[in-house]
Amino acid sequence: DDVPSAAAGGPMDVNTALQEVLKNAIIHDGVVHGLHESAKALD
């Protein structure tokens, strides 16, 4: 996480909140995709 969390830096504006949500979505989607591919490889 190179991007500092806005929660620690004060109030969050709409753009910062959107960046945080999208960053978390990308991270979680990557994890889910990786687990799915790993499960397919084990089958």
Protein backbone atom coordinates (compact mmCIF):
# COMPACT_ATOMS: atom_id res chain seq x y z
CA ASP A 1 0.00 0.00 0.00
CA ASP A 2 1.96 2.97 -1.27
CA VAL A 3 -1.07 5.25 -1.02
CA PRO A 4 -1.54 6.63 2.50
CA SER A 5 -4.90 5.99 4.07
CA ALA A 6 -7.08 9.09 4.13
CA ALA A 7 -8.60 8.01 7.44
CA ALA A 8 -5.28 8.68 9.15
CA GLY A 9 -4.83 12.01 7.35
CA GLY A 10 -8.14 13.67 8.17
CA PRO A 11 -11.48 13.99 6.42
CA MET A 12 -11.96 12.17 3.14
CA ASP A 13 -13.38 13.82 0.03
CA VAL A 14 -15.39 11.98 -2.61
CA ASN A 15 -12.43 11.42 -4.94
CA THR A 16 -10.24 10.03 -2.17
CA ALA A 17 -13.03 7.76 -0.97
CA LEU A 18 -13.54 6.49 -4.52
CA GLN A 19 -9.81 5.81 -4.89
CA GLU A 20 -9.79 3.80 -1.66
CA VAL A 21 -12.83 1.75 -2.68
CA LEU A 22 -11.46 1.01 -6.15
CA LYS A 23 -8.02 0.14 -4.78
CA ASN A 24 -9.55 -2.31 -2.31
CA ALA A 25 -11.77 -3.81 -5.01
CA ILE A 26 -8.78 -4.38 -7.30
CA ILE A 27 -6.78 -5.97 -4.48
CA HIS A 28 -9.62 -8.28 -3.42
CA ASP A 29 -10.48 -9.24 -6.99
CA GLY A 30 -6.85 -10.17 -7.57
CA VAL A 31 -6.85 -12.37 -4.49
CA VAL A 32 -10.08 -14.09 -5.52
CA HIS A 33 -8.78 -14.66 -9.04
CA GLY A 34 -5.52 -16.09 -7.69
CA LEU A 35 -7.32 -18.49 -5.38
CA HIS A 36 -9.61 -19.60 -8.20
CA GLU A 37 -6.66 -20.28 -10.52
CA SER A 38 -4.87 -22.17 -7.73
CA ALA A 39 -7.93 -24.33 -7.10
CA LYS A 40 -8.22 -25.09 -10.83
CA ALA A 41 -4.56 -26.09 -10.96
CA LEU A 42 -5.02 -28.49 -8.05
CA ASP A 43 -7.98 -30.25 -9.70
